[in-house]
């Protein structure tokens, strides 16, 4: 029973991962689809940059959490499915072919965990890099706009 609950959780995590990747990709890589400007184009001060980065980072910790936990949930479900299959053999005259179903289900659980985690890791790293590039571009642009202090002002 617990193994089936974990399988449902893994399916939910895979769906959440797909939605987060789509949402953040549109928001950070193709903001024109949302009728927004890129961070580099809409920020004119350090304070606005900080606010824009905080807003853009929403959802990324969830991707990181899914990437870190989904394989373990998948592994737990796999172990439980294998245990259920082995309990079917306990003291009975049952052929080993009876294990095929539980083993297949167990491997399915492993695959669900990986199907959630692998895209989450990739998307997290790519999106975080996109934010770092945007931040660097804005900081360089803002430093060029800020006039250098004159020698008279320092005397």
N, C-alpha and C. Protein backbone atom coordinates (compact mmCIF):
# COMPACT_ATOMS: atom_id res chain seq x y z
N UNK A 1 0.82 -1.20 0.00
CA UNK A 1 0.00 0.00 0.00
C UNK A 1 0.87 1.27 0.00
N UNK A 2 1.89 1.28 0.85
CA UNK A 2 2.77 2.45 0.92
C UNK A 2 3.52 2.65 -0.39
N UNK A 3 3.89 1.55 -1.02
CA UNK A 3 4.60 1.65 -2.30
C UNK A 3 3.72 2.33 -3.35
N UNK A 4 2.43 2.02 -3.37
CA UNK A 4 1.52 2.65 -4.33
C UNK A 4 1.35 4.14 -4.03
N UNK A 5 1.34 4.49 -2.75
CA UNK A 5 1.23 5.91 -2.37
C UNK A 5 2.48 6.65 -2.85
N UNK A 6 3.64 6.03 -2.67
CA UNK A 6 4.88 6.66 -3.14
C UNK A 6 4.89 6.80 -4.66
N UNK A 7 4.32 5.82 -5.36
CA UNK A 7 4.22 5.93 -6.83
C UNK A 7 3.36 7.12 -7.23
N UNK A 8 2.26 7.33 -6.52
CA UNK A 8 1.39 8.47 -6.82
C UNK A 8 2.12 9.78 -6.53
N UNK A 9 2.86 9.81 -5.43
CA UNK A 9 3.65 11.01 -5.11
C UNK A 9 4.68 11.27 -6.21
N UNK A 10 5.31 10.22 -6.71
CA UNK A 10 6.30 10.39 -7.78
C UNK A 10 5.66 10.91 -9.06
N UNK A 11 4.48 10.44 -9.37
CA UNK A 11 3.77 10.96 -10.55
C UNK A 11 3.46 12.44 -10.36
N UNK A 12 3.04 12.80 -9.15
CA UNK A 12 2.79 14.21 -8.84
C UNK A 12 4.04 15.05 -8.96
N UNK A 13 5.17 14.52 -8.46
CA UNK A 13 6.43 15.26 -8.56
C UNK A 13 6.86 15.44 -10.01
N UNK A 14 6.63 14.42 -10.83
CA UNK A 14 6.97 14.55 -12.25
C UNK A 14 6.12 15.64 -12.90
N UNK A 15 4.84 15.69 -12.55
CA UNK A 15 3.96 16.72 -13.11
C UNK A 15 4.37 18.11 -12.62
N UNK A 16 4.67 18.23 -11.35
CA UNK A 16 5.11 19.52 -10.80
C UNK A 16 6.41 19.96 -11.46
N UNK A 17 7.32 19.02 -11.65
CA UNK A 17 8.60 19.33 -12.31
C UNK A 17 8.36 19.87 -13.71
N UNK A 18 7.50 19.21 -14.47
CA UNK A 18 7.22 19.66 -15.84
C UNK A 18 6.62 21.06 -15.83
N UNK A 19 5.67 21.31 -14.93
CA UNK A 19 5.04 22.63 -14.87
C UNK A 19 6.04 23.71 -14.46
N UNK A 20 6.88 23.42 -13.45
CA UNK A 20 7.88 24.40 -13.02
C UNK A 20 8.88 24.72 -14.12
N UNK A 21 9.32 23.69 -14.82
CA UNK A 21 10.27 23.91 -15.91
C UNK A 21 9.64 24.78 -16.99
N UNK A 22 8.43 24.48 -17.36
CA UNK A 22 7.74 25.28 -18.38
C UNK A 22 7.57 26.72 -17.92
N UNK A 23 7.07 26.91 -16.71
CA UNK A 23 6.83 28.26 -16.17
C UNK A 23 8.12 29.06 -16.10
N UNK A 24 9.17 28.50 -15.50
CA UNK A 24 10.40 29.25 -15.34
C UNK A 24 11.10 29.47 -16.68
N UNK A 25 11.00 28.52 -17.59
CA UNK A 25 11.61 28.70 -18.91
C UNK A 25 10.96 29.85 -19.66
N UNK A 26 9.65 29.91 -19.62
CA UNK A 26 8.95 31.01 -20.28
C UNK A 26 9.30 32.33 -19.61
N UNK A 27 9.28 32.34 -18.28
CA UNK A 27 9.53 33.57 -17.54
C UNK A 27 10.95 34.09 -17.73
N UNK A 28 11.94 33.19 -17.75
CA UNK A 28 13.33 33.63 -17.79
C UNK A 28 13.93 33.66 -19.19
N UNK A 29 13.51 32.75 -20.05
CA UNK A 29 14.13 32.65 -21.38
C UNK A 29 13.30 33.28 -22.48
N UNK A 30 12.00 33.26 -22.36
CA UNK A 30 11.11 33.83 -23.37
C UNK A 30 10.06 34.72 -22.72
N UNK A 31 10.48 35.79 -22.03
CA UNK A 31 9.50 36.63 -21.33
C UNK A 31 8.53 37.34 -22.27
N UNK A 32 8.88 37.43 -23.54
CA UNK A 32 7.98 38.06 -24.50
C UNK A 32 6.66 37.33 -24.62
N UNK A 33 6.64 36.03 -24.36
CA UNK A 33 5.39 35.28 -24.39
C UNK A 33 4.43 35.75 -23.31
N UNK A 34 4.98 36.29 -22.22
CA UNK A 34 4.17 36.82 -21.12
C UNK A 34 4.00 38.33 -21.22
N UNK A 35 4.43 38.88 -22.35
CA UNK A 35 4.39 40.32 -22.59
C UNK A 35 5.21 41.08 -21.53
N UNK A 36 6.36 40.51 -21.20
CA UNK A 36 7.29 41.15 -20.27
C UNK A 36 8.61 41.38 -20.97
N UNK A 37 9.40 42.24 -20.40
CA UNK A 37 10.76 42.47 -20.88
C UNK A 37 11.72 41.58 -20.09
N UNK A 38 12.87 41.31 -20.69
CA UNK A 38 13.90 40.57 -19.97
C UNK A 38 14.35 41.39 -18.76
N UNK A 39 14.92 40.71 -17.79
CA UNK A 39 15.41 41.40 -16.59
C UNK A 39 16.39 42.50 -16.98
N UNK A 40 17.24 42.22 -17.95
CA UNK A 40 18.25 43.18 -18.37
C UNK A 40 17.62 44.47 -18.90
N UNK A 41 16.45 44.37 -19.48
CA UNK A 41 15.82 45.53 -20.11
C UNK A 41 14.94 46.32 -19.14
N UNK A 42 14.45 45.69 -18.09
CA UNK A 42 13.50 46.39 -17.23
C UNK A 42 14.08 46.92 -15.93
N UNK A 43 15.34 46.61 -15.65
CA UNK A 43 15.96 47.02 -14.39
C UNK A 43 16.84 48.24 -14.61
N UNK A 44 16.67 49.24 -13.75
CA UNK A 44 17.46 50.47 -13.89
C UNK A 44 18.25 50.83 -12.64
N UNK A 45 18.13 50.02 -11.58
CA UNK A 45 18.89 50.29 -10.36
C UNK A 45 19.19 48.97 -9.65
N UNK A 46 20.11 49.04 -8.71
CA UNK A 46 20.48 47.85 -7.94
C UNK A 46 19.28 47.33 -7.14
N UNK A 47 18.50 48.25 -6.58
CA UNK A 47 17.32 47.82 -5.82
C UNK A 47 16.33 47.08 -6.71
N UNK A 48 16.10 47.60 -7.90
CA UNK A 48 15.20 46.91 -8.83
C UNK A 48 15.77 45.56 -9.25
N UNK A 49 17.09 45.49 -9.40
CA UNK A 49 17.73 44.22 -9.75
C UNK A 49 17.50 43.19 -8.65
N UNK A 50 17.70 43.60 -7.40
CA UNK A 50 17.48 42.67 -6.29
C UNK A 50 16.04 42.16 -6.26
N UNK A 51 15.09 43.07 -6.46
CA UNK A 51 13.68 42.67 -6.47
C UNK A 51 13.36 41.75 -7.65
N UNK A 52 13.91 42.07 -8.81
CA UNK A 52 13.66 41.25 -10.00
C UNK A 52 14.26 39.86 -9.83
N UNK A 53 15.45 39.78 -9.25
CA UNK A 53 16.08 38.48 -9.03
C UNK A 53 15.31 37.65 -8.01
N UNK A 54 14.85 38.29 -6.95
CA UNK A 54 14.04 37.57 -5.96
C UNK A 54 12.79 37.01 -6.59
N UNK A 55 12.15 37.79 -7.42
CA UNK A 55 10.94 37.31 -8.09
C UNK A 55 11.26 36.19 -9.08
N UNK A 56 12.36 36.34 -9.80
CA UNK A 56 12.72 35.35 -10.81
C UNK A 56 13.17 34.03 -10.19
N UNK A 57 13.68 34.07 -8.98
CA UNK A 57 14.15 32.86 -8.31
C UNK A 57 13.02 32.02 -7.73
N UNK A 58 11.81 32.58 -7.69
CA UNK A 58 10.67 31.80 -7.19
C UNK A 58 10.52 30.53 -7.99
N UNK A 59 10.36 29.41 -7.32
CA UNK A 59 10.18 28.13 -7.98
C UNK A 59 11.47 27.34 -8.12
N UNK A 60 12.61 28.01 -8.15
CA UNK A 60 13.87 27.30 -8.29
C UNK A 60 14.21 26.43 -7.09
N UNK A 61 13.96 26.89 -5.85
CA UNK A 61 14.20 25.98 -4.72
C UNK A 61 13.34 24.72 -4.77
N UNK A 62 12.14 24.83 -5.30
CA UNK A 62 11.29 23.65 -5.44
C UNK A 62 11.90 22.67 -6.43
N UNK A 63 12.44 23.18 -7.54
CA UNK A 63 13.12 22.29 -8.50
C UNK A 63 14.32 21.60 -7.84
N UNK A 64 15.07 22.33 -7.07
CA UNK A 64 16.23 21.74 -6.39
C UNK A 64 15.79 20.68 -5.39
N UNK A 65 14.72 20.93 -4.69
CA UNK A 65 14.22 19.97 -3.71
C UNK A 65 13.72 18.70 -4.39
N UNK A 66 13.01 18.85 -5.48
CA UNK A 66 12.54 17.68 -6.23
C UNK A 66 13.73 16.89 -6.77
N UNK A 67 14.72 17.60 -7.28
CA UNK A 67 15.90 16.93 -7.81
C UNK A 67 16.62 16.13 -6.73
N UNK A 68 16.61 16.64 -5.52
CA UNK A 68 17.33 15.97 -4.43
C UNK A 68 16.53 14.83 -3.82
N UNK A 69 15.21 14.93 -3.79
CA UNK A 69 14.41 13.94 -3.06
C UNK A 69 13.76 12.88 -3.92
N UNK A 70 13.44 13.18 -5.16
CA UNK A 70 12.71 12.23 -6.00
C UNK A 70 13.43 10.89 -6.17
N UNK A 71 14.74 10.87 -6.36
CA UNK A 71 15.39 9.56 -6.47
C UNK A 71 15.24 8.71 -5.21
N UNK A 72 15.26 9.35 -4.06
CA UNK A 72 15.12 8.60 -2.81
C UNK A 72 13.70 8.08 -2.62
N UNK A 73 12.73 8.86 -3.02
CA UNK A 73 11.35 8.38 -2.97
C UNK A 73 11.18 7.21 -3.93
N UNK A 74 11.74 7.33 -5.12
CA UNK A 74 11.69 6.24 -6.10
C UNK A 74 12.38 4.98 -5.58
N UNK A 75 13.52 5.17 -4.94
CA UNK A 75 14.23 4.03 -4.38
C UNK A 75 13.43 3.37 -3.25
N UNK A 76 12.81 4.18 -2.42
CA UNK A 76 11.96 3.63 -1.35
C UNK A 76 10.81 2.82 -1.92
N UNK A 77 10.15 3.34 -2.93
CA UNK A 77 9.05 2.61 -3.55
C UNK A 77 9.56 1.33 -4.20
N UNK A 78 10.74 1.38 -4.80
CA UNK A 78 11.32 0.19 -5.42
C UNK A 78 11.55 -0.90 -4.38
N UNK A 79 12.15 -0.52 -3.27
CA UNK A 79 12.41 -1.49 -2.20
C UNK A 79 11.11 -2.10 -1.69
N UNK A 80 10.10 -1.27 -1.49
CA UNK A 80 8.82 -1.78 -0.99
C UNK A 80 8.16 -2.73 -1.99
N UNK A 81 8.24 -2.41 -3.27
CA UNK A 81 7.67 -3.30 -4.29
C UNK A 81 8.42 -4.65 -4.32
N UNK A 82 9.73 -4.60 -4.22
CA UNK A 82 10.52 -5.84 -4.20
C UNK A 82 10.17 -6.66 -2.95
N UNK A 83 10.05 -5.98 -1.81
CA UNK A 83 9.68 -6.68 -0.57
C UNK A 83 8.32 -7.36 -0.70
N UNK A 84 7.36 -6.66 -1.32
CA UNK A 84 6.04 -7.26 -1.53
C UNK A 84 6.14 -8.49 -2.42
N UNK A 85 6.96 -8.42 -3.45
CA UNK A 85 7.14 -9.57 -4.33
C UNK A 85 7.78 -10.75 -3.62
N UNK A 86 8.77 -10.46 -2.78
CA UNK A 86 9.43 -11.54 -2.04
C UNK A 86 8.51 -12.16 -0.99
N UNK A 87 7.62 -11.34 -0.41
CA UNK A 87 6.67 -11.88 0.55
C UNK A 87 5.70 -12.86 -0.12
N UNK A 88 5.44 -12.68 -1.40
CA UNK A 88 4.57 -13.60 -2.13
C UNK A 88 5.22 -14.98 -2.24
N UNK A 89 6.55 -15.04 -2.24
CA UNK A 89 7.27 -16.31 -2.34
C UNK A 89 7.45 -17.00 -1.00
N UNK A 90 7.24 -16.30 0.08
CA UNK A 90 7.53 -16.78 1.42
C UNK A 90 6.80 -18.08 1.73
N UNK A 91 7.55 -19.17 1.76
CA UNK A 91 7.02 -20.46 2.18
C UNK A 91 6.01 -21.08 1.25
N UNK A 92 5.83 -20.56 0.09
CA UNK A 92 4.83 -21.10 -0.82
C UNK A 92 5.52 -21.78 -1.98
N UNK A 93 4.79 -22.62 -2.64
CA UNK A 93 5.29 -23.27 -3.85
C UNK A 93 4.90 -22.43 -5.05
N UNK A 94 5.45 -21.25 -5.12
CA UNK A 94 5.13 -20.32 -6.20
C UNK A 94 6.36 -20.23 -7.10
N UNK A 95 6.13 -20.16 -8.37
CA UNK A 95 7.23 -20.06 -9.32
C UNK A 95 7.83 -18.65 -9.27
N UNK A 96 9.07 -18.58 -9.65
CA UNK A 96 9.77 -17.30 -9.66
C UNK A 96 9.17 -16.32 -10.66
N UNK A 97 8.43 -16.82 -11.65
CA UNK A 97 7.83 -15.93 -12.64
C UNK A 97 6.79 -15.01 -12.01
N UNK A 98 6.31 -15.40 -10.82
CA UNK A 98 5.35 -14.55 -10.11
C UNK A 98 6.01 -13.23 -9.71
N UNK A 99 7.33 -13.25 -9.55
CA UNK A 99 8.05 -12.03 -9.18
C UNK A 99 8.13 -11.02 -10.32
N UNK A 100 7.85 -11.43 -11.53
CA UNK A 100 8.00 -10.53 -12.68
C UNK A 100 7.15 -9.27 -12.52
N UNK A 101 5.93 -9.40 -12.06
CA UNK A 101 5.06 -8.24 -11.90
C UNK A 101 5.58 -7.25 -10.88
N UNK A 102 5.87 -7.72 -9.63
CA UNK A 102 6.40 -6.78 -8.63
C UNK A 102 7.75 -6.17 -9.02
N UNK A 103 8.61 -6.93 -9.68
CA UNK A 103 9.91 -6.39 -10.09
C UNK A 103 9.71 -5.32 -11.16
N UNK A 104 8.81 -5.58 -12.09
CA UNK A 104 8.52 -4.56 -13.12
C UNK A 104 7.96 -3.30 -12.49
N UNK A 105 7.07 -3.47 -11.53
CA UNK A 105 6.50 -2.30 -10.84
C UNK A 105 7.59 -1.57 -10.06
N UNK A 106 8.49 -2.32 -9.46
CA UNK A 106 9.58 -1.70 -8.71
C UNK A 106 10.47 -0.87 -9.64
N UNK A 107 10.79 -1.43 -10.78
CA UNK A 107 11.62 -0.68 -11.73
C UNK A 107 10.88 0.54 -12.27
N UNK A 108 9.58 0.42 -12.38
CA UNK A 108 8.76 1.56 -12.79
C UNK A 108 8.88 2.68 -11.76
N UNK A 109 8.89 2.33 -10.48
CA UNK A 109 9.05 3.34 -9.43
C UNK A 109 10.40 4.04 -9.53
N UNK A 110 11.44 3.26 -9.79
CA UNK A 110 12.77 3.86 -9.97
C UNK A 110 12.76 4.83 -11.14
N UNK A 111 12.14 4.42 -12.22
CA UNK A 111 12.07 5.27 -13.41
C UNK A 111 11.29 6.56 -13.12
N UNK A 112 10.21 6.47 -12.35
CA UNK A 112 9.44 7.67 -12.00
C UNK A 112 10.30 8.64 -11.19
N UNK A 113 11.07 8.10 -10.25
CA UNK A 113 11.94 8.96 -9.45
C UNK A 113 12.97 9.67 -10.32
N UNK A 114 13.56 8.94 -11.23
CA UNK A 114 14.55 9.54 -12.12
C UNK A 114 13.90 10.50 -13.11
N UNK A 115 12.70 10.18 -13.55
CA UNK A 115 11.99 11.05 -14.51
C UNK A 115 11.64 12.39 -13.88
N UNK A 116 11.54 12.43 -12.57
CA UNK A 116 11.31 13.69 -11.88
C UNK A 116 12.61 14.42 -11.61
N UNK A 117 13.62 13.68 -11.19
CA UNK A 117 14.86 14.30 -10.72
C UNK A 117 15.76 14.80 -11.84
N UNK A 118 15.95 14.02 -12.87
CA UNK A 118 16.92 14.39 -13.91
C UNK A 118 16.52 15.69 -14.62
N UNK A 119 15.28 15.84 -15.08
CA UNK A 119 14.92 17.13 -15.69
C UNK A 119 14.98 18.29 -14.69
N UNK A 120 14.66 18.02 -13.42
CA UNK A 120 14.70 19.08 -12.42
C UNK A 120 16.13 19.57 -12.22
N UNK A 121 17.09 18.66 -12.17
CA UNK A 121 18.50 19.05 -12.01
C UNK A 121 18.96 19.87 -13.20
N UNK A 122 18.67 19.37 -14.40
CA UNK A 122 19.10 20.08 -15.60
C UNK A 122 18.48 21.46 -15.71
N UNK A 123 17.18 21.53 -15.49
CA UNK A 123 16.49 22.82 -15.58
C UNK A 123 16.97 23.78 -14.51
N UNK A 124 17.15 23.28 -13.29
CA UNK A 124 17.62 24.13 -12.21
C UNK A 124 18.96 24.76 -12.57
N UNK A 125 19.89 23.95 -13.03
CA UNK A 125 21.22 24.48 -13.38
C UNK A 125 21.17 25.45 -14.54
N UNK A 126 20.41 25.14 -15.57
CA UNK A 126 20.31 26.04 -16.73
C UNK A 126 19.62 27.35 -16.36
N UNK A 127 18.55 27.28 -15.60
CA UNK A 127 17.82 28.49 -15.23
C UNK A 127 18.62 29.35 -14.26
N UNK A 128 19.31 28.70 -13.34
CA UNK A 128 20.16 29.46 -12.42
C UNK A 128 21.27 30.17 -13.18
N UNK A 129 21.84 29.50 -14.17
CA UNK A 129 22.86 30.13 -15.00
C UNK A 129 22.29 31.32 -15.76
N UNK A 130 21.07 31.18 -16.28
CA UNK A 130 20.41 32.28 -16.99
C UNK A 130 20.25 33.48 -16.07
N UNK A 131 19.89 33.25 -14.82
CA UNK A 131 19.76 34.35 -13.86
C UNK A 131 21.11 34.99 -13.56
N UNK A 132 22.15 34.18 -13.44
CA UNK A 132 23.48 34.73 -13.17
C UNK A 132 23.95 35.60 -14.33
N UNK A 133 23.72 35.16 -15.55
CA UNK A 133 24.11 35.95 -16.73
C UNK A 133 23.34 37.27 -16.75
N UNK A 134 22.04 37.21 -16.49
CA UNK A 134 21.23 38.44 -16.48
C UNK A 134 21.73 39.40 -15.39
N UNK A 135 22.01 38.86 -14.22
CA UNK A 135 22.49 39.71 -13.13
C UNK A 135 23.83 40.36 -13.49
N UNK A 136 24.72 39.59 -14.06
CA UNK A 136 26.03 40.14 -14.46
C UNK A 136 25.87 41.24 -15.51
N UNK A 137 25.01 41.02 -16.48
CA UNK A 137 24.79 42.04 -17.52
C UNK A 137 24.24 43.32 -16.93
N UNK A 138 23.27 43.20 -16.03
CA UNK A 138 22.67 44.39 -15.43
C UNK A 138 23.70 45.12 -14.57
N UNK A 139 24.45 44.37 -13.78
CA UNK A 139 25.45 45.02 -12.92
C UNK A 139 26.50 45.75 -13.76
N UNK A 140 26.94 45.15 -14.88
CA UNK A 140 27.89 45.84 -15.76
C UNK A 140 27.27 47.09 -16.36
N UNK A 141 26.02 46.98 -16.81
CA UNK A 141 25.35 48.14 -17.41
C UNK A 141 25.16 49.24 -16.38
N UNK A 142 24.79 48.89 -15.17
CA UNK A 142 24.61 49.90 -14.13
C UNK A 142 25.93 50.54 -13.72
N UNK A 143 27.00 49.78 -13.73
CA UNK A 143 28.30 50.36 -13.37
C UNK A 143 28.78 51.34 -14.44
N UNK A 144 28.40 51.10 -15.69
CA UNK A 144 28.77 52.05 -16.76
C UNK A 144 27.96 53.33 -16.67
N UNK A 145 26.74 53.23 -16.17
CA UNK A 145 25.88 54.42 -16.06
C UNK A 145 26.28 55.31 -14.89
N UNK A 146 26.84 54.70 -13.83
CA UNK A 146 27.21 55.47 -12.65
C UNK A 146 28.47 56.25 -12.94
N UNK A 147 28.42 57.57 -12.82
CA UNK A 147 29.62 58.36 -13.13
C UNK A 147 30.70 58.12 -12.06
N UNK A 148 31.91 58.09 -12.53
CA UNK A 148 33.05 57.91 -11.62
C UNK A 148 33.21 59.19 -10.79
N UNK A 149 33.58 59.05 -9.54
CA UNK A 149 33.76 60.26 -8.71
C UNK A 149 34.93 61.08 -9.24
N UNK A 150 34.74 62.37 -9.28
CA UNK A 150 35.79 63.25 -9.78
C UNK A 150 36.84 63.48 -8.69
N UNK A 151 38.02 63.91 -9.12
CA UNK A 151 39.10 64.15 -8.15
C UNK A 151 38.74 65.33 -7.24
N UNK A 152 38.00 66.30 -7.75
CA UNK A 152 37.62 67.46 -6.95
C UNK A 152 36.71 67.05 -5.81
N UNK A 153 35.85 66.05 -6.03
CA UNK A 153 34.92 65.63 -5.01
C UNK A 153 35.64 64.88 -3.90
N UNK A 154 36.76 64.30 -4.19
CA UNK A 154 37.48 63.54 -3.18
C UNK A 154 38.41 64.41 -2.35
N UNK A 155 38.70 65.62 -2.80
CA UNK A 155 39.60 66.50 -2.05
C UNK A 155 38.95 67.20 -0.96
